[in-house]
Amino acid sequence: MRNSIYGLIVLISIFTLISNYKAFKANVNQVRLLEILAEGTYTIEKDYLERISTNYPNLSSTVIPFKSVLGAYWINEDSIDKGYDMLLKGNKENPLLDYQIWSWLLSMI
């Protein structure tokens, strides 16, 4: 009984460590994301695109979904269908935020 409790604690600790590491990595990579949002240009380098994790954590520190930022990027790169799909996915992750609509409209200008 005692060994199973210790085993459960170790298992939960491992999952917690993995989760915290992924969140830490996402926060380190968000520095460039915050610059992109402040500039409003949505020009993202290819190597940075590969480092962005859109699944977990799915929200940035500004509570804007990563998929919404990538959607604005794809619309800016003239891939409107892909960008619009990403904006819709981002809207499902944070439906109370109107960022998806505004970023799509602003990137069309």
N, C-alpha and C. Protein backbone atom coordinates (compact mmCIF):
# COMPACT_ATOMS: atom_id res chain seq x y z
N MET A 1 0.83 -1.20 0.00
CA MET A 1 0.00 0.00 0.00
C MET A 1 0.87 1.26 0.00
N ARG A 2 1.88 1.25 0.82
CA ARG A 2 2.74 2.41 0.93
C ARG A 2 3.55 2.62 -0.35
N ASN A 3 4.00 1.51 -0.96
CA ASN A 3 4.76 1.62 -2.20
C ASN A 3 3.90 2.15 -3.34
N SER A 4 2.63 1.79 -3.36
CA SER A 4 1.76 2.28 -4.42
C SER A 4 1.51 3.78 -4.28
N ILE A 5 1.45 4.28 -3.07
CA ILE A 5 1.28 5.72 -2.85
C ILE A 5 2.53 6.46 -3.32
N TYR A 6 3.70 5.93 -2.99
CA TYR A 6 4.95 6.55 -3.44
C TYR A 6 5.06 6.50 -4.96
N GLY A 7 4.65 5.40 -5.54
CA GLY A 7 4.67 5.27 -6.99
C GLY A 7 3.75 6.28 -7.65
N LEU A 8 2.58 6.48 -7.07
CA LEU A 8 1.63 7.46 -7.60
C LEU A 8 2.19 8.88 -7.49
N ILE A 9 2.83 9.18 -6.38
CA ILE A 9 3.44 10.50 -6.20
C ILE A 9 4.55 10.72 -7.22
N VAL A 10 5.37 9.71 -7.46
CA VAL A 10 6.45 9.83 -8.45
C VAL A 10 5.86 10.02 -9.85
N LEU A 11 4.82 9.29 -10.18
CA LEU A 11 4.19 9.40 -11.49
C LEU A 11 3.59 10.80 -11.71
N ILE A 12 2.90 11.30 -10.71
CA ILE A 12 2.34 12.65 -10.81
C ILE A 12 3.46 13.69 -10.92
N SER A 13 4.55 13.47 -10.19
CA SER A 13 5.69 14.40 -10.25
C SER A 13 6.31 14.43 -11.64
N ILE A 14 6.40 13.28 -12.28
CA ILE A 14 6.97 13.22 -13.63
C ILE A 14 6.10 13.99 -14.61
N PHE A 15 4.78 13.79 -14.54
CA PHE A 15 3.88 14.52 -15.42
C PHE A 15 3.93 16.03 -15.16
N THR A 16 4.06 16.41 -13.91
CA THR A 16 4.15 17.82 -13.55
C THR A 16 5.43 18.44 -14.09
N LEU A 17 6.54 17.70 -13.99
CA LEU A 17 7.81 18.20 -14.52
C LEU A 17 7.75 18.39 -16.03
N ILE A 18 7.17 17.44 -16.73
CA ILE A 18 7.06 17.54 -18.18
C ILE A 18 6.19 18.74 -18.56
N SER A 19 5.08 18.91 -17.87
CA SER A 19 4.18 20.02 -18.15
C SER A 19 4.86 21.36 -17.88
N ASN A 20 5.55 21.47 -16.77
CA ASN A 20 6.25 22.71 -16.44
C ASN A 20 7.36 23.02 -17.43
N TYR A 21 8.06 21.98 -17.89
CA TYR A 21 9.12 22.19 -18.87
C TYR A 21 8.56 22.72 -20.18
N LYS A 22 7.43 22.15 -20.64
CA LYS A 22 6.82 22.64 -21.88
C LYS A 22 6.33 24.08 -21.72
N ALA A 23 5.76 24.40 -20.58
CA ALA A 23 5.31 25.78 -20.34
C ALA A 23 6.50 26.73 -20.29
N PHE A 24 7.60 26.30 -19.68
CA PHE A 24 8.81 27.13 -19.62
C PHE A 24 9.37 27.39 -21.02
N LYS A 25 9.44 26.33 -21.84
CA LYS A 25 9.94 26.48 -23.19
C LYS A 25 9.05 27.43 -24.00
N ALA A 26 7.75 27.33 -23.81
CA ALA A 26 6.83 28.21 -24.53
C ALA A 26 7.01 29.66 -24.09
N ASN A 27 7.23 29.87 -22.80
CA ASN A 27 7.42 31.24 -22.31
C ASN A 27 8.72 31.85 -22.82
N VAL A 28 9.75 31.05 -22.94
CA VAL A 28 11.02 31.56 -23.48
C VAL A 28 10.84 31.94 -24.94
N ASN A 29 10.10 31.14 -25.69
CA ASN A 29 9.89 31.43 -27.11
C ASN A 29 8.92 32.57 -27.35
N GLN A 30 8.18 32.99 -26.33
CA GLN A 30 7.18 34.02 -26.51
C GLN A 30 7.75 35.43 -26.59
N VAL A 31 9.00 35.59 -26.32
CA VAL A 31 9.59 36.93 -26.40
C VAL A 31 9.43 37.47 -27.81
N ARG A 32 9.75 36.66 -28.79
CA ARG A 32 9.60 37.09 -30.19
C ARG A 32 8.12 37.27 -30.54
N LEU A 33 7.26 36.44 -29.99
CA LEU A 33 5.83 36.55 -30.25
C LEU A 33 5.28 37.88 -29.76
N LEU A 34 5.71 38.32 -28.59
CA LEU A 34 5.27 39.61 -28.07
C LEU A 34 5.76 40.76 -28.94
N GLU A 35 6.97 40.63 -29.49
CA GLU A 35 7.48 41.65 -30.41
C GLU A 35 6.64 41.70 -31.69
N ILE A 36 6.27 40.52 -32.18
CA ILE A 36 5.46 40.44 -33.40
C ILE A 36 4.09 41.09 -33.16
N LEU A 37 3.49 40.82 -32.02
CA LEU A 37 2.19 41.39 -31.71
C LEU A 37 2.28 42.91 -31.54
N ALA A 38 3.37 43.40 -30.94
CA ALA A 38 3.53 44.84 -30.75
C ALA A 38 3.75 45.55 -32.07
N GLU A 39 4.51 44.92 -32.97
CA GLU A 39 4.77 45.53 -34.27
C GLU A 39 3.54 45.49 -35.16
N GLY A 40 2.77 44.40 -35.07
CA GLY A 40 1.60 44.24 -35.91
C GLY A 40 1.92 43.87 -37.34
N THR A 41 3.14 43.44 -37.60
CA THR A 41 3.53 43.11 -38.98
C THR A 41 3.29 41.64 -39.31
N TYR A 42 3.31 40.80 -38.33
CA TYR A 42 3.09 39.35 -38.48
C TYR A 42 4.08 38.72 -39.45
N THR A 43 5.30 39.21 -39.44
CA THR A 43 6.35 38.56 -40.20
C THR A 43 7.13 37.69 -39.23
N ILE A 44 7.06 36.39 -39.46
CA ILE A 44 7.66 35.42 -38.55
C ILE A 44 8.72 34.65 -39.33
N GLU A 45 9.86 34.45 -38.70
CA GLU A 45 10.93 33.70 -39.33
C GLU A 45 10.56 32.22 -39.37
N LYS A 46 11.08 31.51 -40.37
CA LYS A 46 10.74 30.09 -40.56
C LYS A 46 11.20 29.24 -39.38
N ASP A 47 12.39 29.52 -38.82
CA ASP A 47 12.85 28.72 -37.69
C ASP A 47 12.00 28.95 -36.45
N TYR A 48 11.44 30.16 -36.32
CA TYR A 48 10.56 30.44 -35.19
C TYR A 48 9.23 29.72 -35.35
N LEU A 49 8.75 29.59 -36.58
CA LEU A 49 7.51 28.85 -36.82
C LEU A 49 7.61 27.41 -36.36
N GLU A 50 8.78 26.82 -36.54
CA GLU A 50 8.98 25.43 -36.13
C GLU A 50 9.04 25.27 -34.62
N ARG A 51 9.41 26.33 -33.91
CA ARG A 51 9.54 26.25 -32.45
C ARG A 51 8.23 26.50 -31.72
N ILE A 52 7.25 27.10 -32.39
CA ILE A 52 5.99 27.41 -31.73
C ILE A 52 5.18 26.14 -31.54
N SER A 53 4.78 25.90 -30.32
CA SER A 53 3.91 24.77 -30.01
C SER A 53 2.48 25.29 -29.90
N THR A 54 1.61 24.82 -30.79
CA THR A 54 0.24 25.32 -30.79
C THR A 54 -0.71 24.44 -29.99
N ASN A 55 -0.24 23.29 -29.54
CA ASN A 55 -1.12 22.37 -28.81
C ASN A 55 -1.09 22.57 -27.31
N TYR A 56 0.10 22.55 -26.72
CA TYR A 56 0.20 22.73 -25.27
C TYR A 56 1.45 23.51 -24.95
N PRO A 57 1.39 24.59 -24.28
CA PRO A 57 0.21 25.38 -23.94
C PRO A 57 -0.33 26.05 -25.20
N ASN A 58 -1.63 26.19 -25.30
CA ASN A 58 -2.22 26.73 -26.51
C ASN A 58 -2.45 28.23 -26.44
N LEU A 59 -2.31 28.83 -25.27
CA LEU A 59 -2.47 30.27 -25.11
C LEU A 59 -1.13 30.91 -24.77
N SER A 60 -0.91 32.09 -25.30
CA SER A 60 0.32 32.81 -24.97
C SER A 60 0.14 33.51 -23.63
N SER A 61 1.16 34.20 -23.20
CA SER A 61 1.07 34.92 -21.93
C SER A 61 0.12 36.10 -22.02
N THR A 62 -0.23 36.51 -23.23
CA THR A 62 -1.21 37.57 -23.43
C THR A 62 -2.61 37.01 -23.61
N VAL A 63 -2.79 35.72 -23.44
CA VAL A 63 -4.05 34.98 -23.57
C VAL A 63 -4.54 34.95 -25.01
N ILE A 64 -3.72 35.34 -25.95
CA ILE A 64 -4.05 35.21 -27.36
C ILE A 64 -3.60 33.81 -27.79
N PRO A 65 -4.48 33.02 -28.38
CA PRO A 65 -4.07 31.69 -28.83
C PRO A 65 -2.96 31.75 -29.88
N PHE A 66 -2.03 30.82 -29.77
CA PHE A 66 -0.95 30.76 -30.74
C PHE A 66 -1.49 30.56 -32.15
N LYS A 67 -2.57 29.80 -32.27
CA LYS A 67 -3.14 29.54 -33.58
C LYS A 67 -3.68 30.82 -34.22
N SER A 68 -4.14 31.75 -33.42
CA SER A 68 -4.63 33.02 -33.96
C SER A 68 -3.49 33.85 -34.52
N VAL A 69 -2.38 33.87 -33.83
CA VAL A 69 -1.21 34.62 -34.32
C VAL A 69 -0.70 33.99 -35.60
N LEU A 70 -0.66 32.65 -35.63
CA LEU A 70 -0.23 31.98 -36.85
C LEU A 70 -1.23 32.19 -37.98
N GLY A 71 -2.52 32.28 -37.64
CA GLY A 71 -3.52 32.57 -38.67
C GLY A 71 -3.30 33.93 -39.29
N ALA A 72 -3.00 34.92 -38.47
CA ALA A 72 -2.70 36.26 -39.01
C ALA A 72 -1.44 36.22 -39.87
N TYR A 73 -0.47 35.40 -39.47
CA TYR A 73 0.75 35.25 -40.27
C TYR A 73 0.43 34.66 -41.64
N TRP A 74 -0.37 33.60 -41.66
CA TRP A 74 -0.67 32.94 -42.94
C TRP A 74 -1.51 33.84 -43.84
N ILE A 75 -2.39 34.64 -43.26
CA ILE A 75 -3.15 35.59 -44.07
C ILE A 75 -2.21 36.65 -44.64
N ASN A 76 -1.26 37.09 -43.84
CA ASN A 76 -0.26 38.06 -44.31
C ASN A 76 0.61 37.49 -45.42
N GLU A 77 0.79 36.17 -45.41
CA GLU A 77 1.60 35.50 -46.44
C GLU A 77 0.75 35.06 -47.64
N ASP A 78 -0.45 35.60 -47.77
CA ASP A 78 -1.37 35.32 -48.88
C ASP A 78 -1.87 33.88 -48.93
N SER A 79 -1.94 33.24 -47.79
CA SER A 79 -2.56 31.93 -47.68
C SER A 79 -3.83 32.10 -46.84
N ILE A 80 -4.82 32.73 -47.45
CA ILE A 80 -6.00 33.17 -46.72
C ILE A 80 -6.80 32.00 -46.15
N ASP A 81 -6.96 30.94 -46.92
CA ASP A 81 -7.74 29.79 -46.43
C ASP A 81 -7.10 29.16 -45.20
N LYS A 82 -5.79 28.94 -45.26
CA LYS A 82 -5.09 28.35 -44.12
C LYS A 82 -5.13 29.30 -42.92
N GLY A 83 -4.94 30.57 -43.17
CA GLY A 83 -4.97 31.55 -42.09
C GLY A 83 -6.34 31.65 -41.44
N TYR A 84 -7.38 31.63 -42.25
CA TYR A 84 -8.73 31.72 -41.71
C TYR A 84 -9.06 30.48 -40.88
N ASP A 85 -8.62 29.31 -41.33
CA ASP A 85 -8.83 28.09 -40.55
C ASP A 85 -8.12 28.16 -39.20
N MET A 86 -6.89 28.69 -39.20
CA MET A 86 -6.16 28.84 -37.95
C MET A 86 -6.85 29.83 -37.02
N LEU A 87 -7.40 30.91 -37.58
CA LEU A 87 -8.12 31.88 -36.77
C LEU A 87 -9.37 31.26 -36.15
N LEU A 88 -10.06 30.43 -36.90
CA LEU A 88 -11.24 29.75 -36.35
C LEU A 88 -10.86 28.78 -35.23
N LYS A 89 -9.75 28.06 -35.41
CA LYS A 89 -9.28 27.16 -34.35
C LYS A 89 -8.88 27.96 -33.11
N GLY A 90 -8.25 29.09 -33.30
CA GLY A 90 -7.89 29.94 -32.18
C GLY A 90 -9.11 30.50 -31.48
N ASN A 91 -10.15 30.76 -32.23
CA ASN A 91 -11.39 31.26 -31.65
C ASN A 91 -12.04 30.21 -30.76
N LYS A 92 -11.88 28.94 -31.11
CA LYS A 92 -12.42 27.86 -30.27
C LYS A 92 -11.65 27.74 -28.95
N GLU A 93 -10.37 28.08 -28.97
CA GLU A 93 -9.55 27.98 -27.76
C GLU A 93 -9.81 29.11 -26.79
N ASN A 94 -10.16 30.28 -27.30
CA ASN A 94 -10.50 31.41 -26.44
C ASN A 94 -11.62 32.21 -27.10
N PRO A 95 -12.86 31.73 -26.97
CA PRO A 95 -13.96 32.37 -27.69
C PRO A 95 -14.34 33.76 -27.17
N LEU A 96 -13.89 34.14 -25.99
CA LEU A 96 -14.24 35.44 -25.44
C LEU A 96 -13.35 36.57 -25.93
N LEU A 97 -12.34 36.23 -26.69
CA LEU A 97 -11.39 37.21 -27.17
C LEU A 97 -11.71 37.55 -28.62
N ASP A 98 -11.81 38.83 -28.93
CA ASP A 98 -12.13 39.25 -30.30
C ASP A 98 -10.88 39.44 -31.15
N TYR A 99 -9.76 38.95 -30.70
CA TYR A 99 -8.51 39.13 -31.44
C TYR A 99 -8.58 38.48 -32.82
N GLN A 100 -9.24 37.36 -32.93
CA GLN A 100 -9.29 36.63 -34.18
C GLN A 100 -9.91 37.47 -35.28
N ILE A 101 -11.01 38.11 -34.99
CA ILE A 101 -11.70 38.90 -36.00
C ILE A 101 -10.87 40.12 -36.38
N TRP A 102 -10.35 40.82 -35.38
CA TRP A 102 -9.60 42.04 -35.66
C TRP A 102 -8.30 41.76 -36.39
N SER A 103 -7.61 40.69 -36.03
CA SER A 103 -6.35 40.40 -36.71
C SER A 103 -6.60 40.03 -38.16
N TRP A 104 -7.70 39.35 -38.42
CA TRP A 104 -8.02 38.99 -39.79
C TRP A 104 -8.34 40.24 -40.59
N LEU A 105 -9.15 41.12 -40.03
CA LEU A 105 -9.51 42.34 -40.74
C LEU A 105 -8.32 43.26 -40.94
N LEU A 106 -7.49 43.40 -39.92
CA LEU A 106 -6.33 44.29 -40.04
C LEU A 106 -5.29 43.77 -41.02
N SER A 107 -5.16 42.45 -41.10
CA SER A 107 -4.17 41.91 -42.02
C SER A 107 -4.64 42.01 -43.46
N MET A 108 -5.94 42.22 -43.66
CA MET A 108 -6.46 42.38 -45.03
C MET A 108 -6.20 43.78 -45.57
N ILE A 109 -5.91 44.73 -44.68
CA ILE A 109 -5.70 46.12 -45.12
C ILE A 109 -4.36 46.27 -45.79
